[in-house]
């Protein structure tokens, strides 16, 4: 649910040309359709999972959530979240003809033989930008990015990571479905933050923006997620008891709920900034829309499509959408005449109301004027009383 919401927020802030190029590259799909595609890659090629995390090492003397100067980010084989974002962004720009210096990445060290086309790189970049804003994707070694912290919410036990990754979102979607499907994923909800991020991107550039976003996510994890929102108790790091199950009461849930929603919006608007930069460029037409990475989910989708196509060929009277019969066009003459009669009455009345309003005084004055016109219409060419030819009746407001 989270990645889909991020995609919808991104779409609300994307330029027309970026949307067009997205659909060209993704075979008619939009950002929300592929926002979680990178995790499908992980399911098929497990070695790629480390691309989605930026683990901070606090196992060798560095403090848990200590000063930034002492933070050490682990990135084995240069395969980690921040490097992956910069790598795929740089790869896409290079293929557009806008080469920049960007981190190299040997995919074979994560998964033997895997290769990414331009379309694959765009899909992966969308997913990774969302992951950057899930605070426990940038957590610490000692608590295994929140997996070692156990919490209990409404009687159900789970890890702190799972609560932030799925628990909050699923609760909102099931208990507040009207809100969830009510259009909250729009950039106007954080328009000032969006403008500030666009200004920073324009002034400082892409990689400085990625670094800033990473720093903000780490600080958010340390200050908001690794700390119980109502008791203030640390959930990880020195002094925390990782063996204790922490109760998440309704107050804590509501506090984290608001923070979680804002993270979704921030991830979406920043994804739009990146995609607008990439896909508004004239070189975007050079990007290859042929996929090289096929996931298990992609294969299942292809099988389903093939089955529907075979069914359609066997029985063209059925659509590919699941068997609804296509009926020939039919005109119901009695219904047509009835609707025509209704229109003959309602349309003139509608036009009268539009021109003269609903004020009874206006109608009364108009009727009197018409009657006076009819009385004097025989010999004076329809002149109004007192010789005021053609005088119009003013609408009374």
Protein backbone atom coordinates (compact mmCIF):
# COMPACT_ATOMS: atom_id res chain seq x y z
CA UNK A 1 0.00 0.00 0.00
CA UNK A 2 2.78 2.45 0.88
CA UNK A 3 4.57 2.25 -2.46
CA UNK A 4 1.29 2.59 -4.34
CA UNK A 5 0.44 5.74 -2.35
CA UNK A 6 3.91 7.12 -3.04
CA UNK A 7 3.36 6.53 -6.75
CA UNK A 8 0.03 8.34 -6.70
CA UNK A 9 1.56 11.31 -4.90
CA UNK A 10 4.38 11.41 -7.44
CA UNK A 11 1.92 11.37 -10.33
CA UNK A 12 0.14 14.43 -8.89
CA UNK A 13 3.38 16.43 -9.11
CA UNK A 14 4.71 15.18 -12.46
CA UNK A 15 4.79 17.25 -15.63
CA UNK A 16 2.82 16.18 -18.68
CA UNK A 17 5.95 15.20 -20.60
CA UNK A 18 7.29 13.15 -17.70
CA UNK A 19 3.97 11.29 -17.48
CA UNK A 20 4.04 10.62 -21.22
CA UNK A 21 7.58 9.26 -21.10
CA UNK A 22 6.72 7.15 -18.05
CA UNK A 23 3.92 5.46 -19.94
CA UNK A 24 6.15 4.94 -22.98
CA UNK A 25 8.90 3.34 -20.91
CA UNK A 26 6.60 1.27 -18.73
CA UNK A 27 4.28 -0.11 -21.39
CA UNK A 28 1.33 2.11 -20.53
CA UNK A 29 1.71 1.80 -16.77
CA UNK A 30 2.11 4.74 -14.42
CA UNK A 31 4.32 5.28 -11.39
CA UNK A 32 1.98 3.68 -8.84
CA UNK A 33 1.77 0.50 -10.97
CA UNK A 34 5.52 -0.14 -10.65
CA UNK A 35 6.35 1.64 -7.38
CA UNK A 36 6.98 -1.67 -5.59
CA UNK A 37 8.53 -3.51 -8.53
CA UNK A 38 11.98 -3.56 -6.93
CA UNK A 39 10.69 -5.83 -4.17
CA UNK A 40 9.41 -8.23 -6.81
CA UNK A 41 12.98 -8.28 -8.09
CA UNK A 42 14.13 -9.24 -4.57
CA UNK A 43 11.60 -12.10 -4.46
CA UNK A 44 13.03 -13.46 -7.71
CA UNK A 45 16.69 -12.55 -7.14
CA UNK A 46 17.24 -12.49 -3.34
CA UNK A 47 20.74 -11.08 -3.65
CA UNK A 48 19.34 -7.75 -4.79
CA UNK A 49 17.63 -7.08 -1.43
CA UNK A 50 20.61 -5.20 0.00
CA UNK A 51 20.08 -2.45 -2.56
CA UNK A 52 17.07 -1.37 -0.54
CA UNK A 53 18.88 -0.74 2.77
CA UNK A 54 21.47 1.67 4.11
CA UNK A 55 22.67 0.09 7.34
CA UNK A 56 24.51 2.26 9.86
CA UNK A 57 27.22 0.40 11.74
CA UNK A 58 27.21 0.87 15.51
CA UNK A 59 28.97 -2.41 16.26
CA UNK A 60 32.54 -1.09 16.29
CA UNK A 61 32.40 1.75 18.76
CA UNK A 62 30.27 4.15 16.75
CA UNK A 63 27.29 5.31 18.83
CA UNK A 64 23.72 4.33 18.00
CA UNK A 65 22.08 7.48 16.63
CA UNK A 66 25.16 9.49 17.58
CA UNK A 67 26.50 12.67 15.96
CA UNK A 68 26.54 12.64 12.17
CA UNK A 69 30.33 12.86 12.08
CA UNK A 70 30.52 9.45 13.76
CA UNK A 71 27.94 7.70 11.60
CA UNK A 72 29.39 4.90 9.51
CA UNK A 73 27.30 3.59 6.64
CA UNK A 74 27.91 0.01 5.57
CA UNK A 75 27.95 -0.55 1.81
CA UNK A 76 29.47 -3.91 0.94
CA UNK A 77 30.58 -4.14 -2.71
CA UNK A 78 29.17 -0.60 -3.13
CA UNK A 79 25.68 -2.14 -3.15
CA UNK A 80 23.42 -0.23 -0.77
CA UNK A 81 20.48 2.17 -0.91
CA UNK A 82 22.12 5.56 -1.39
CA UNK A 83 24.70 4.24 -3.86
CA UNK A 84 21.96 2.44 -5.80
CA UNK A 85 19.87 5.61 -6.10
CA UNK A 86 22.85 7.58 -7.40
CA UNK A 87 23.88 4.72 -9.68
CA UNK A 88 20.53 4.27 -11.42
CA UNK A 89 19.99 8.04 -11.69
CA UNK A 90 23.44 8.47 -13.26
CA UNK A 91 22.97 5.49 -15.58
CA UNK A 92 19.73 6.94 -16.93
CA UNK A 93 21.28 10.38 -17.49
CA UNK A 94 24.24 8.79 -19.26
CA UNK A 95 21.94 6.93 -21.64
CA UNK A 96 20.10 10.19 -22.32
CA UNK A 97 23.37 11.82 -23.39
CA UNK A 98 23.86 13.81 -20.15
CA UNK A 99 26.80 11.96 -18.59
CA UNK A 100 27.75 12.68 -14.97
CA UNK A 101 30.08 11.01 -12.49
CA UNK A 102 28.12 8.37 -10.61
CA UNK A 103 28.91 5.28 -8.52
CA UNK A 104 29.64 2.13 -10.49
CA UNK A 105 27.87 -1.03 -9.44
CA UNK A 106 28.72 -4.64 -10.32
CA UNK A 107 25.30 -6.31 -10.24
CA UNK A 108 26.97 -9.72 -10.45
CA UNK A 109 28.18 -9.32 -6.87
CA UNK A 110 24.54 -9.25 -5.81
CA UNK A 111 23.01 -11.56 -8.42
CA UNK A 112 24.91 -13.38 -11.13
CA UNK A 113 23.89 -12.41 -14.68
CA UNK A 114 21.30 -9.75 -13.88
CA UNK A 115 21.19 -6.67 -16.12
CA UNK A 116 19.02 -3.56 -16.04
CA UNK A 117 17.63 -1.79 -19.09
CA UNK A 118 16.66 1.90 -18.98
CA UNK A 119 13.05 0.96 -18.23
CA UNK A 120 14.23 -1.37 -15.44
CA UNK A 121 16.45 1.39 -14.03
CA UNK A 122 13.52 3.84 -13.91
CA UNK A 123 11.35 1.28 -12.09
CA UNK A 124 14.11 0.47 -9.62
CA UNK A 125 14.79 4.16 -8.98
CA UNK A 126 11.11 4.78 -8.19
CA UNK A 127 11.13 1.91 -5.67
CA UNK A 128 14.40 2.96 -4.03
CA UNK A 129 13.29 6.56 -3.53
CA UNK A 130 10.29 5.24 -1.65
CA UNK A 131 12.53 2.99 0.48
CA UNK A 132 14.70 5.99 1.35
CA UNK A 133 11.74 7.45 3.24
CA UNK A 134 10.95 4.29 5.21
CA UNK A 135 13.10 5.22 8.23
CA UNK A 136 14.01 1.66 9.17
CA UNK A 137 15.55 1.10 5.74
CA UNK A 138 18.31 3.40 7.04
CA UNK A 139 18.55 1.95 10.55
CA UNK A 140 21.34 0.43 12.64
CA UNK A 141 23.23 -2.83 12.84
CA UNK A 142 22.67 -3.48 16.56
CA UNK A 143 18.87 -3.71 16.16
CA UNK A 144 18.94 -5.15 12.62
CA UNK A 145 17.11 -2.12 11.19
CA UNK A 146 14.29 -2.50 13.68
CA UNK A 147 13.80 -6.23 13.12
CA UNK A 148 15.18 -6.99 16.59
CA UNK A 149 12.79 -4.57 18.31
CA UNK A 150 9.53 -6.32 19.20
CA UNK A 151 6.30 -4.38 19.60
CA UNK A 152 2.69 -5.33 20.30
CA UNK A 153 -0.19 -3.46 18.72
CA UNK A 154 -3.79 -4.41 19.58
CA UNK A 155 -2.70 -7.81 20.78
CA UNK A 156 -0.57 -8.64 17.73
CA UNK A 157 3.19 -8.94 18.08
CA UNK A 158 5.53 -7.88 15.29
CA UNK A 159 8.88 -6.20 14.77
CA UNK A 160 9.24 -2.43 14.80
CA UNK A 161 10.36 -2.72 11.18
CA UNK A 162 7.20 -4.58 10.14
CA UNK A 163 5.01 -2.13 12.04
CA UNK A 164 6.45 0.76 10.03
CA UNK A 165 6.70 -1.17 6.78
CA UNK A 166 3.20 -2.70 6.77
CA UNK A 167 1.36 -2.42 10.07
CA UNK A 168 0.54 1.28 10.05
CA UNK A 169 -0.45 1.35 6.39
CA UNK A 170 -2.67 -1.73 6.60
CA UNK A 171 -4.44 -0.33 9.66
CA UNK A 172 -5.18 2.97 7.93
CA UNK A 173 -6.38 1.24 4.77
CA UNK A 174 -8.75 -1.12 6.57
CA UNK A 175 -10.06 1.22 9.26
CA UNK A 176 -10.05 4.48 7.31
CA UNK A 177 -10.85 3.28 3.80
CA UNK A 178 -12.77 6.46 3.01
CA UNK A 179 -9.69 8.50 3.80
CA UNK A 180 -7.30 6.07 2.11
CA UNK A 181 -9.17 6.18 -1.20
CA UNK A 182 -10.24 9.80 -0.78
CA UNK A 183 -7.49 11.60 -2.67
CA UNK A 184 -5.10 12.42 0.20
CA UNK A 185 -2.11 11.46 -1.96
CA UNK A 186 -1.74 14.83 -3.65
CA UNK A 187 1.25 17.13 -3.63
CA UNK A 188 -0.89 20.11 -2.61
CA UNK A 189 -0.88 18.68 0.94
CA UNK A 190 2.84 19.50 1.19
CA UNK A 191 3.19 22.20 -1.44
CA UNK A 192 5.63 24.31 0.59
CA UNK A 193 7.96 21.34 1.19
CA UNK A 194 7.75 20.43 -2.48
CA UNK A 195 8.74 23.93 -3.55
CA UNK A 196 11.63 23.97 -1.07
CA UNK A 197 12.92 20.63 -2.38
CA UNK A 198 12.65 21.80 -5.99
CA UNK A 199 14.60 24.95 -5.15
CA UNK A 200 17.32 22.94 -3.39
CA UNK A 201 17.55 20.51 -6.32
CA UNK A 202 17.92 23.38 -8.76
CA UNK A 203 20.55 25.14 -6.65
CA UNK A 204 22.60 22.27 -5.21
CA UNK A 205 21.96 19.44 -7.66
CA UNK A 206 20.78 15.85 -7.58
CA UNK A 207 23.44 14.12 -5.48
CA UNK A 208 23.36 16.82 -2.80
CA UNK A 209 19.60 16.35 -2.68
CA UNK A 210 19.93 12.57 -2.30
CA UNK A 211 22.45 13.08 0.54
CA UNK A 212 20.12 15.56 2.26
CA UNK A 213 17.14 13.22 1.98
CA UNK A 214 19.20 10.36 3.43
CA UNK A 215 20.32 12.50 6.37
CA UNK A 216 16.74 13.56 7.07
CA UNK A 217 15.56 9.94 7.07
CA UNK A 218 18.30 8.88 9.50
CA UNK A 219 17.45 11.76 11.84
CA UNK A 220 13.77 10.87 11.58
CA UNK A 221 14.53 7.26 12.50
CA UNK A 222 16.63 8.29 15.49
CA UNK A 223 14.37 11.02 16.83
CA UNK A 224 10.90 9.65 16.02
CA UNK A 225 10.97 5.92 15.30
CA UNK A 226 13.55 4.58 17.75
CA UNK A 227 11.75 6.53 20.49
CA UNK A 228 8.29 5.64 21.85
CA UNK A 229 6.09 8.62 20.89
CA UNK A 230 4.12 8.78 24.15
CA UNK A 231 6.53 7.53 26.83
CA UNK A 232 9.74 8.88 25.28
CA UNK A 233 11.46 5.57 26.02
CA UNK A 234 14.28 4.52 23.67
CA UNK A 235 13.43 1.37 21.74
CA UNK A 236 16.96 0.60 20.54
CA UNK A 237 20.55 1.53 21.28
CA UNK A 238 22.30 1.85 24.65
CA UNK A 239 19.90 1.41 27.55
CA UNK A 240 17.16 -0.21 25.48
CA UNK A 241 15.99 -3.73 26.30
CA UNK A 242 15.66 -5.52 22.96
CA UNK A 243 14.22 -8.57 24.71
CA UNK A 244 11.18 -6.67 25.94
CA UNK A 245 8.01 -6.44 23.88
CA UNK A 246 6.97 -2.78 23.69
CA UNK A 247 3.26 -1.97 23.84
CA UNK A 248 2.04 0.43 21.16
CA UNK A 249 -1.03 2.12 22.63
CA UNK A 250 -3.59 4.13 20.67
CA UNK A 251 -1.85 7.39 21.46
CA UNK A 252 1.43 6.10 20.08
CA UNK A 253 -0.28 4.71 17.01
CA UNK A 254 -2.04 8.00 16.25
CA UNK A 255 1.22 9.93 16.61
CA UNK A 256 3.11 7.55 14.32
CA UNK A 257 0.14 7.44 11.94
CA UNK A 258 0.53 11.16 11.16
CA UNK A 259 4.29 10.86 10.75
CA UNK A 260 3.92 7.83 8.46
CA UNK A 261 1.48 9.64 6.18
CA UNK A 262 3.80 12.62 5.88
CA UNK A 263 6.71 10.34 4.94
CA UNK A 264 4.60 8.91 2.12
CA UNK A 265 3.82 12.37 0.78
CA UNK A 266 7.46 13.46 1.03
CA UNK A 267 8.63 10.34 -0.80
CA UNK A 268 6.08 10.90 -3.56
CA UNK A 269 6.82 14.57 -4.18
CA UNK A 270 10.57 13.89 -4.24
CA UNK A 271 10.10 11.00 -6.65
CA UNK A 272 8.27 13.46 -8.92
CA UNK A 273 11.22 15.89 -8.77
CA UNK A 274 13.59 13.14 -9.89
CA UNK A 275 11.31 11.84 -12.66
CA UNK A 276 10.60 15.34 -13.98
CA UNK A 277 14.34 15.96 -14.16
CA UNK A 278 14.96 12.69 -16.00
CA UNK A 279 11.96 12.49 -18.28
CA UNK A 280 11.38 16.13 -19.21
CA UNK A 281 14.76 16.15 -20.97
CA UNK A 282 14.85 15.80 -24.74
CA UNK A 283 17.20 12.85 -24.34
CA UNK A 284 14.46 10.84 -22.64
CA UNK A 285 13.35 9.63 -26.08
CA UNK A 286 16.64 7.72 -26.28
CA UNK A 287 15.80 5.57 -23.28
CA UNK A 288 15.07 1.93 -24.10
CA UNK A 289 11.62 0.71 -23.06
CA UNK A 290 12.49 -2.98 -23.36
CA UNK A 291 12.80 -4.75 -20.01
CA UNK A 292 15.75 -7.04 -19.29
CA UNK A 293 14.76 -8.11 -15.78
CA UNK A 294 11.78 -10.44 -15.54
CA UNK A 295 10.41 -11.20 -12.11
CA UNK A 296 8.20 -14.09 -11.02
CA UNK A 297 5.34 -11.61 -10.75
CA UNK A 298 6.01 -10.46 -14.33
CA UNK A 299 5.89 -14.08 -15.50
CA UNK A 300 2.59 -14.70 -13.71
CA UNK A 301 1.12 -11.57 -15.27
CA UNK A 302 2.29 -12.68 -18.72
CA UNK A 303 0.69 -16.13 -18.25
CA UNK A 304 -2.58 -14.55 -17.19
CA UNK A 305 -2.57 -12.26 -20.21
CA UNK A 306 -1.80 -15.17 -22.53
CA UNK A 307 -4.69 -17.19 -21.09
CA UNK A 308 -7.11 -14.30 -21.58
CA UNK A 309 -5.91 -13.77 -25.14
CA UNK A 310 -6.44 -17.44 -25.97
CA UNK A 311 -9.95 -17.25 -24.51
CA UNK A 312 -10.69 -14.17 -26.54
CA UNK A 313 -9.56 -15.85 -29.77
CA UNK A 314 -11.69 -18.92 -29.04
CA UNK A 315 -14.79 -16.85 -28.31
CA UNK A 316 -14.59 -13.26 -29.65
CA UNK A 317 -18.01 -12.54 -28.11
CA UNK A 318 -16.30 -12.40 -24.74
CA UNK A 319 -13.96 -9.61 -23.64
CA UNK A 320 -10.51 -10.21 -22.23
CA UNK A 321 -11.60 -8.75 -18.90
CA UNK A 322 -13.25 -11.85 -17.58
CA UNK A 323 -16.07 -13.05 -19.78
CA UNK A 324 -18.63 -10.28 -20.01
CA UNK A 325 -20.62 -10.65 -23.20
CA UNK A 326 -20.52 -7.86 -25.77
CA UNK A 327 -24.05 -6.91 -26.81
CA UNK A 328 -24.83 -5.40 -30.22
CA UNK A 329 -26.07 -1.83 -30.33
CA UNK A 330 -29.83 -1.51 -29.79
CA UNK A 331 -32.08 1.57 -29.90
CA UNK A 332 -35.22 1.54 -27.74
CA UNK A 333 -37.65 3.77 -29.68
CA UNK A 334 -40.24 4.31 -26.86
CA UNK A 335 -37.51 5.32 -24.42
CA UNK A 336 -35.96 7.61 -27.02
CA UNK A 337 -39.29 9.39 -27.62
CA UNK A 338 -39.96 9.72 -23.89
CA UNK A 339 -36.56 11.31 -23.32
CA UNK A 340 -37.11 13.62 -26.28
CA UNK A 341 -40.43 14.76 -24.81
CA UNK A 342 -38.83 15.42 -21.45
CA UNK A 343 -36.08 17.42 -23.12
CA UNK A 344 -38.64 19.55 -25.01
CA UNK A 345 -40.05 20.69 -21.66
CA UNK A 346 -36.96 20.88 -19.45
CA UNK A 347 -34.52 22.53 -21.87
CA UNK A 348 -36.70 25.65 -22.53
CA UNK A 349 -37.42 25.94 -18.79
CA UNK A 350 -33.74 25.67 -18.07
CA UNK A 351 -32.94 28.44 -20.56
CA UNK A 352 -35.60 30.69 -19.03
CA UNK A 353 -34.16 30.18 -15.56
CA UNK A 354 -30.63 30.88 -16.84
CA UNK A 355 -31.73 34.14 -18.47
CA UNK A 356 -34.21 35.43 -15.87
CA UNK A 357 -33.29 33.68 -12.64
CA UNK A 358 -35.70 32.38 -10.00
CA UNK A 359 -36.84 35.71 -8.54
CA UNK A 360 -40.70 35.82 -8.69
CA UNK A 361 -40.63 39.60 -9.21
CA UNK A 362 -38.62 39.18 -12.38
CA UNK A 363 -41.10 36.62 -13.74
CA UNK A 364 -44.06 38.87 -12.85
CA UNK A 365 -42.49 41.90 -14.56
CA UNK A 366 -41.60 39.84 -17.61
CA UNK A 367 -45.12 38.46 -18.02
CA UNK A 368 -46.64 41.99 -17.68
CA UNK A 369 -44.28 43.31 -20.32
CA UNK A 370 -45.21 40.52 -22.71
CA UNK A 371 -48.94 41.17 -22.17
CA UNK A 372 -48.53 44.91 -22.76
CA UNK A 373 -46.56 44.15 -25.91
CA UNK A 374 -49.33 41.89 -27.22
CA UNK A 375 -51.97 44.60 -26.53
CA UNK A 376 -50.10 47.26 -28.42
CA UNK A 377 -48.73 45.06 -31.12
CA UNK A 378 -51.51 45.70 -33.75
CA UNK A 379 -50.68 49.14 -35.11
CA UNK A 380 -47.51 50.48 -33.56
CA UNK A 381 -45.11 47.73 -34.49
CA UNK A 382 -44.96 46.29 -31.00
CA UNK A 383 -43.96 49.54 -29.24
CA UNK A 384 -43.92 49.36 -25.48
CA UNK A 385 -46.08 51.76 -23.39
CA UNK A 386 -45.04 55.42 -23.25
CA UNK A 387 -43.29 54.99 -26.60
CA UNK A 388 -40.28 53.22 -25.16
CA UNK A 389 -39.62 50.97 -28.13
CA UNK A 390 -37.62 47.82 -27.49
CA UNK A 391 -37.03 48.60 -23.80
CA UNK A 392 -35.78 45.49 -22.04
CA UNK A 393 -36.86 44.28 -18.67
CA UNK A 394 -34.01 44.45 -16.18
CA UNK A 395 -33.32 41.38 -14.06
CA UNK A 396 -34.03 42.03 -10.41
CA UNK A 397 -31.07 40.73 -8.35
